[in-house]
Amino acid sequence: MYLPSAGLSYVFDTRGKLEDTSLRVTIWPEQTHTNFAYDKTDNVLYLVQTDGVAEYGLYTDNEEPYLMRYFTNHFNFDMPNIIKIVKRAAITAIGSSSQELTLKIGYDYTTNYFSFPFTLAGLSVSEYGIAEYGDNADTIAEYNSGIALDRVDSSVAGAGDIIQIGIETMISGAQMSVQKLDVYAKQGRVI
């Protein structure tokens, strides 16, 4: 869904539904594209902009890195009248090697987040063989270079009745996908 006057696009992933049958949605803020076209044959989304046509999926924004932000809804662990003290957080992510990301934790609807930096392991991801598939300049395809999977965790701080968790990272030419977010908390006093 594109809202040109607001400069927003809501992108729904219709490839699969979540456990509650809803669809994943991503918000693309500050959109300046004037139109979109999807090529079903090549499975490519093209974006029309003032200086030409862009292809979606190259993990850059006009060859520049961009900030990916993901924030959960506000939640209370189904304990509405009890203070929660978050002790530890862990992130399982698939993406580029040595990817830096920041975990943000906010309490009681505040936008002043506690921030905790993480770096995914520096893994060497191997390709199958060393050359592209084909024997001349008109190569047919290249084998997928693979993915790096890592789980990072750390002690965190803060307490509150309502909690929100966020993750921010710069995307610069490689994929990044948060697979799992674990939050370990203990009960504080009853309000």
C-alpha atoms as a PDB file:
ATOM      1  CA  MET A   1       0.000   0.000   0.000  1.00  0.00           C
ATOM      2  CA  TYR A   2       1.553   3.308  -1.098  1.00  0.00           C
ATOM      3  CA  LEU A   3       0.591   6.618   0.555  1.00  0.00           C
ATOM      4  CA  PRO A   4       2.365   9.264  -1.560  1.00  0.00           C
ATOM      5  CA  SER A   5       1.243  12.304   0.439  1.00  0.00           C
ATOM      6  CA  ALA A   6       2.666  10.735   3.628  1.00  0.00           C
ATOM      7  CA  GLY A   7       5.757   9.363   1.879  1.00  0.00           C
ATOM      8  CA  LEU A   8       5.019   5.875   3.275  1.00  0.00           C
ATOM      9  CA  SER A   9       4.729   2.414   1.808  1.00  0.00           C
ATOM     10  CA  TYR A  10       3.342  -0.558   3.690  1.00  0.00           C
ATOM     11  CA  VAL A  11       4.707  -3.757   2.164  1.00  0.00           C
ATOM     12  CA  PHE A  12       2.880  -7.007   2.980  1.00  0.00           C
ATOM     13  CA  ASP A  13       4.703 -10.322   2.578  1.00  0.00           C
ATOM     14  CA  THR A  14       2.108 -12.600   0.995  1.00  0.00           C
ATOM     15  CA  ARG A  15       4.492 -15.552   0.528  1.00  0.00           C
ATOM     16  CA  GLY A  16       3.398 -17.049   3.863  1.00  0.00           C
ATOM     17  CA  LYS A  17       1.222 -16.301   6.846  1.00  0.00           C
ATOM     18  CA  LEU A  18       2.265 -16.029  10.474  1.00  0.00           C
ATOM     19  CA  GLU A  19       0.953 -18.356  13.178  1.00  0.00           C
ATOM     20  CA  ASP A  20      -2.066 -16.091  13.775  1.00  0.00           C
ATOM     21  CA  THR A  21      -2.776 -16.001   9.977  1.00  0.00           C
ATOM     22  CA  SER A  22      -1.689 -12.359   9.661  1.00  0.00           C
ATOM     23  CA  LEU A  23       0.928 -11.214   7.151  1.00  0.00           C
ATOM     24  CA  ARG A  24       4.339  -9.742   7.864  1.00  0.00           C
ATOM     25  CA  VAL A  25       4.377  -6.025   7.141  1.00  0.00           C
ATOM     26  CA  THR A  26       7.284  -3.659   6.594  1.00  0.00           C
ATOM     27  CA  ILE A  27       7.064   0.130   6.596  1.00  0.00           C
ATOM     28  CA  TRP A  28       9.211   1.977   4.069  1.00  0.00           C
ATOM     29  CA  PRO A  29       9.369   5.593   5.346  1.00  0.00           C
ATOM     30  CA  GLU A  30      10.327   8.685   3.351  1.00  0.00           C
ATOM     31  CA  GLN A  31       9.460   7.149  -0.016  1.00  0.00           C
ATOM     32  CA  THR A  32      10.059   9.307  -3.073  1.00  0.00           C
ATOM     33  CA  HIS A  33       9.212   6.681  -5.675  1.00  0.00           C
ATOM     34  CA  THR A  34       6.456   7.615  -8.074  1.00  0.00           C
ATOM     35  CA  ASN A  35       5.421   4.113  -9.142  1.00  0.00           C
ATOM     36  CA  PHE A  36       6.123   0.409  -8.743  1.00  0.00           C
ATOM     37  CA  ALA A  37       6.199  -2.486 -11.208  1.00  0.00           C
ATOM     38  CA  TYR A  38       6.599  -6.194 -10.480  1.00  0.00           C
ATOM     39  CA  ASP A  39       8.028  -8.557 -13.087  1.00  0.00           C
ATOM     40  CA  LYS A  40       6.484 -11.988 -12.402  1.00  0.00           C
ATOM     41  CA  THR A  41       8.802 -13.713 -14.841  1.00  0.00           C
ATOM     42  CA  ASP A  42      12.009 -12.683 -13.057  1.00  0.00           C
ATOM     43  CA  ASN A  43      10.446 -12.086  -9.592  1.00  0.00           C
ATOM     44  CA  VAL A  44      11.833  -8.555  -9.454  1.00  0.00           C
ATOM     45  CA  LEU A  45      10.235  -5.392  -8.060  1.00  0.00           C
ATOM     46  CA  TYR A  46      11.142  -2.183  -9.884  1.00  0.00           C
ATOM     47  CA  LEU A  47      10.728   1.266  -8.318  1.00  0.00           C
ATOM     48  CA  VAL A  48      10.315   4.355 -10.486  1.00  0.00           C
ATOM     49  CA  GLN A  49      12.112   7.409  -9.149  1.00  0.00           C
ATOM     50  CA  THR A  50      12.976  10.853 -10.480  1.00  0.00           C
ATOM     51  CA  ASP A  51      16.415   9.824 -11.768  1.00  0.00           C
ATOM     52  CA  GLY A  52      15.424   6.471 -13.297  1.00  0.00           C
ATOM     53  CA  VAL A  53      14.334   2.977 -12.358  1.00  0.00           C
ATOM     54  CA  ALA A  54      15.651   1.117  -9.296  1.00  0.00           C
ATOM     55  CA  GLU A  55      15.600  -2.602  -8.581  1.00  0.00           C
ATOM     56  CA  TYR A  56      14.479  -3.762  -5.136  1.00  0.00           C
ATOM     57  CA  GLY A  57      16.510  -6.419  -3.361  1.00  0.00           C
ATOM     58  CA  LEU A  58      20.109  -5.327  -3.732  1.00  0.00           C
ATOM     59  CA  TYR A  59      20.510  -4.504  -0.007  1.00  0.00           C
ATOM     60  CA  THR A  60      21.391  -0.845  -0.596  1.00  0.00           C
ATOM     61  CA  ASP A  61      19.459   2.350  -1.255  1.00  0.00           C
ATOM     62  CA  ASN A  62      20.861   3.881  -4.432  1.00  0.00           C
ATOM     63  CA  GLU A  63      24.170   2.177  -3.574  1.00  0.00           C
ATOM     64  CA  GLU A  64      24.140   3.732  -0.080  1.00  0.00           C
ATOM     65  CA  PRO A  65      23.673   1.848   3.231  1.00  0.00           C
ATOM     66  CA  TYR A  66      20.353   2.283   4.997  1.00  0.00           C
ATOM     67  CA  LEU A  67      19.105   1.876   8.562  1.00  0.00           C
ATOM     68  CA  MET A  68      16.892  -1.120   9.296  1.00  0.00           C
ATOM     69  CA  ARG A  69      14.729  -0.710  12.387  1.00  0.00           C
ATOM     70  CA  TYR A  70      12.459  -3.335  13.933  1.00  0.00           C
ATOM     71  CA  PHE A  71      10.440  -2.703  17.097  1.00  0.00           C
ATOM     72  CA  THR A  72       8.003  -5.043  18.793  1.00  0.00           C
ATOM     73  CA  ASN A  73       4.634  -4.009  20.074  1.00  0.00           C
ATOM     74  CA  HIS A  74       4.489  -2.966  23.732  1.00  0.00           C
ATOM     75  CA  PHE A  75       3.951  -6.025  25.931  1.00  0.00           C
ATOM     76  CA  ASN A  76       3.692  -6.956  29.611  1.00  0.00           C
ATOM     77  CA  PHE A  77       4.393 -10.738  29.665  1.00  0.00           C
ATOM     78  CA  ASP A  78       0.708 -11.227  30.574  1.00  0.00           C
ATOM     79  CA  MET A  79       1.421  -9.767  34.026  1.00  0.00           C
ATOM     80  CA  PRO A  80      -0.139  -6.291  33.875  1.00  0.00           C
ATOM     81  CA  ASN A  81       0.368  -5.220  37.503  1.00  0.00           C
ATOM     82  CA  ILE A  82       3.898  -6.461  38.103  1.00  0.00           C
ATOM     83  CA  ILE A  83       7.158  -4.653  37.418  1.00  0.00           C
ATOM     84  CA  LYS A  84       9.400  -6.641  35.055  1.00  0.00           C
ATOM     85  CA  ILE A  85      13.179  -6.473  35.441  1.00  0.00           C
ATOM     86  CA  VAL A  86      14.884  -7.480  32.193  1.00  0.00           C
ATOM     87  CA  LYS A  87      18.148  -9.275  32.994  1.00  0.00           C
ATOM     88  CA  ARG A  88      19.369 -10.707  29.699  1.00  0.00           C
ATOM     89  CA  ALA A  89      18.559 -10.568  25.994  1.00  0.00           C
ATOM     90  CA  ALA A  90      19.654 -12.744  23.078  1.00  0.00           C
ATOM     91  CA  ILE A  91      19.335 -12.315  19.317  1.00  0.00           C
ATOM     92  CA  THR A  92      19.567 -15.094  16.741  1.00  0.00           C
ATOM     93  CA  ALA A  93      20.229 -13.561  13.339  1.00  0.00           C
ATOM     94  CA  ILE A  94      21.011 -14.593   9.793  1.00  0.00           C
ATOM     95  CA  GLY A  95      23.020 -12.158   7.787  1.00  0.00           C
ATOM     96  CA  SER A  96      26.417 -10.814   7.018  1.00  0.00           C
ATOM     97  CA  SER A  97      29.522 -11.678   8.955  1.00  0.00           C
ATOM     98  CA  SER A  98      30.570  -9.173  11.656  1.00  0.00           C
ATOM     99  CA  GLN A  99      27.247  -7.316  11.303  1.00  0.00           C
ATOM    100  CA  GLU A 100      26.854  -4.658  14.011  1.00  0.00           C
ATOM    101  CA  LEU A 101      23.431  -4.150  15.528  1.00  0.00           C
ATOM    102  CA  THR A 102      21.939  -2.384  18.513  1.00  0.00           C
ATOM    103  CA  LEU A 103      19.305  -3.835  20.812  1.00  0.00           C
ATOM    104  CA  LYS A 104      17.020  -1.199  22.302  1.00  0.00           C
ATOM    105  CA  ILE A 105      14.772  -1.724  25.319  1.00  0.00           C
ATOM    106  CA  GLY A 106      12.126   0.786  26.344  1.00  0.00           C
ATOM    107  CA  TYR A 107       9.865   0.758  29.369  1.00  0.00           C
ATOM    108  CA  ASP A 108       6.399   2.154  30.018  1.00  0.00           C
ATOM    109  CA  TYR A 109       5.851   3.679  26.541  1.00  0.00           C
ATOM    110  CA  THR A 110       8.952   5.875  26.698  1.00  0.00           C
ATOM    111  CA  THR A 111      11.054   6.620  23.633  1.00  0.00           C
ATOM    112  CA  ASN A 112      14.225   6.893  25.738  1.00  0.00           C
ATOM    113  CA  TYR A 113      15.621   3.424  25.092  1.00  0.00           C
ATOM    114  CA  PHE A 114      18.430   1.597  26.836  1.00  0.00           C
ATOM    115  CA  SER A 115      20.866   0.639  24.045  1.00  0.00           C
ATOM    116  CA  PHE A 116      23.092  -2.443  23.922  1.00  0.00           C
ATOM    117  CA  PRO A 117      25.516  -2.982  20.994  1.00  0.00           C
ATOM    118  CA  PHE A 118      26.073  -6.450  19.503  1.00  0.00           C
ATOM    119  CA  THR A 119      28.315  -7.749  16.736  1.00  0.00           C
ATOM    120  CA  LEU A 120      27.619 -10.994  14.930  1.00  0.00           C
ATOM    121  CA  ALA A 121      30.563 -13.377  14.661  1.00  0.00           C
ATOM    122  CA  GLY A 122      33.089 -12.881  11.902  1.00  0.00           C
ATOM    123  CA  LEU A 123      32.370 -16.064   9.973  1.00  0.00           C
ATOM    124  CA  SER A 124      33.928 -17.044   6.694  1.00  0.00           C
ATOM    125  CA  VAL A 125      31.113 -18.029   4.373  1.00  0.00           C
ATOM    126  CA  SER A 126      32.281 -20.318   1.585  1.00  0.00           C
ATOM    127  CA  GLU A 127      31.081 -20.442  -1.988  1.00  0.00           C
ATOM    128  CA  TYR A 128      30.773 -23.645  -3.947  1.00  0.00           C
ATOM    129  CA  GLY A 129      33.827 -23.593  -6.170  1.00  0.00           C
ATOM    130  CA  ILE A 130      35.580 -20.385  -7.058  1.00  0.00           C
ATOM    131  CA  ALA A 131      34.018 -19.445 -10.388  1.00  0.00           C
ATOM    132  CA  GLU A 132      30.596 -18.696 -11.710  1.00  0.00           C
ATOM    133  CA  TYR A 133      28.597 -21.463 -13.343  1.00  0.00           C
ATOM    134  CA  GLY A 134      29.368 -21.395 -17.054  1.00  0.00           C
ATOM    135  CA  ASP A 135      32.545 -21.319 -19.097  1.00  0.00           C
ATOM    136  CA  ASN A 136      32.584 -17.911 -20.752  1.00  0.00           C
ATOM    137  CA  ALA A 137      31.605 -14.277 -20.217  1.00  0.00           C
ATOM    138  CA  ASP A 138      27.937 -15.229 -20.683  1.00  0.00           C
ATOM    139  CA  THR A 139      27.743 -17.129 -17.417  1.00  0.00           C
ATOM    140  CA  ILE A 140      24.400 -18.603 -16.522  1.00  0.00           C
ATOM    141  CA  ALA A 141      24.312 -18.220 -12.764  1.00  0.00           C
ATOM    142  CA  GLU A 142      26.394 -17.952  -9.636  1.00  0.00           C
ATOM    143  CA  TYR A 143      26.095 -20.244  -6.660  1.00  0.00           C
ATOM    144  CA  ASN A 144      24.627 -18.666  -3.557  1.00  0.00           C
ATOM    145  CA  SER A 145      27.403 -17.446  -1.285  1.00  0.00           C
ATOM    146  CA  GLY A 146      25.558 -18.786   1.767  1.00  0.00           C
ATOM    147  CA  ILE A 147      24.570 -17.141   4.998  1.00  0.00           C
ATOM    148  CA  ALA A 148      26.039 -16.543   8.424  1.00  0.00           C
ATOM    149  CA  LEU A 149      23.961 -17.637  11.425  1.00  0.00           C
ATOM    150  CA  ASP A 150      24.845 -16.412  14.900  1.00  0.00           C
ATOM    151  CA  ARG A 151      23.317 -16.034  18.349  1.00  0.00           C
ATOM    152  CA  VAL A 152      24.538 -13.167  20.522  1.00  0.00           C
ATOM    153  CA  ASP A 153      23.430 -12.447  24.066  1.00  0.00           C
ATOM    154  CA  SER A 154      24.257 -10.012  26.825  1.00  0.00           C
ATOM    155  CA  SER A 155      23.176  -8.741  30.193  1.00  0.00           C
ATOM    156  CA  VAL A 156      20.833  -5.770  29.879  1.00  0.00           C
ATOM    157  CA  ALA A 157      19.278  -3.286  32.274  1.00  0.00           C
ATOM    158  CA  GLY A 158      16.047  -1.595  33.169  1.00  0.00           C
ATOM    159  CA  ALA A 159      12.661  -2.280  34.644  1.00  0.00           C
ATOM    160  CA  GLY A 160       9.087  -1.319  33.984  1.00  0.00           C
ATOM    161  CA  ASP A 161       5.504  -2.466  33.696  1.00  0.00           C
ATOM    162  CA  ILE A 162       5.324  -2.328  29.873  1.00  0.00           C
ATOM    163  CA  ILE A 163       8.287  -3.301  27.661  1.00  0.00           C
ATOM    164  CA  GLN A 164       9.221  -2.690  24.034  1.00  0.00           C
ATOM    165  CA  ILE A 165      12.225  -4.253  22.288  1.00  0.00           C
ATOM    166  CA  GLY A 166      13.873  -2.868  19.161  1.00  0.00           C
ATOM    167  CA  ILE A 167      16.755  -3.760  16.868  1.00  0.00           C
ATOM    168  CA  GLU A 168      18.613  -1.324  14.623  1.00  0.00           C
ATOM    169  CA  THR A 169      21.365  -2.092  12.117  1.00  0.00           C
ATOM    170  CA  MET A 170      22.858  -0.629   8.956  1.00  0.00           C
ATOM    171  CA  ILE A 171      22.221  -2.647   5.802  1.00  0.00           C
ATOM    172  CA  SER A 172      25.082  -2.302   3.350  1.00  0.00           C
ATOM    173  CA  GLY A 173      25.008  -4.774   0.495  1.00  0.00           C
ATOM    174  CA  ALA A 174      24.161  -7.916   2.476  1.00  0.00           C
ATOM    175  CA  GLN A 175      21.033  -9.468   3.924  1.00  0.00           C
ATOM    176  CA  MET A 176      20.083  -9.350   7.605  1.00  0.00           C
ATOM    177  CA  SER A 177      17.240 -11.295   9.199  1.00  0.00           C
ATOM    178  CA  VAL A 178      16.401 -11.518  12.885  1.00  0.00           C
ATOM    179  CA  GLN A 179      15.189 -15.073  13.450  1.00  0.00           C
ATOM    180  CA  LYS A 180      14.614 -15.069  17.180  1.00  0.00           C
ATOM    181  CA  LEU A 181      14.653 -12.612  20.048  1.00  0.00           C
ATOM    182  CA  ASP A 182      14.838 -13.966  23.607  1.00  0.00           C
ATOM    183  CA  VAL A 183      14.188 -11.771  26.620  1.00  0.00           C
ATOM    184  CA  TYR A 184      14.889 -13.047  30.111  1.00  0.00           C
ATOM    185  CA  ALA A 185      13.161 -11.111  32.868  1.00  0.00           C
ATOM    186  CA  LYS A 186      12.266 -11.571  36.498  1.00  0.00           C
ATOM    187  CA  GLN A 187       9.342 -10.294  38.495  1.00  0.00           C
ATOM    188  CA  GLY A 188       9.729  -7.163  40.527  1.00  0.00           C
ATOM    189  CA  ARG A 189       7.212  -5.781  42.990  1.00  0.00           C
ATOM    190  CA  VAL A 190       3.459  -5.752  42.450  1.00  0.00           C
ATOM    191  CA  ILE A 191       2.097  -2.321  41.556  1.00  0.00           C
END
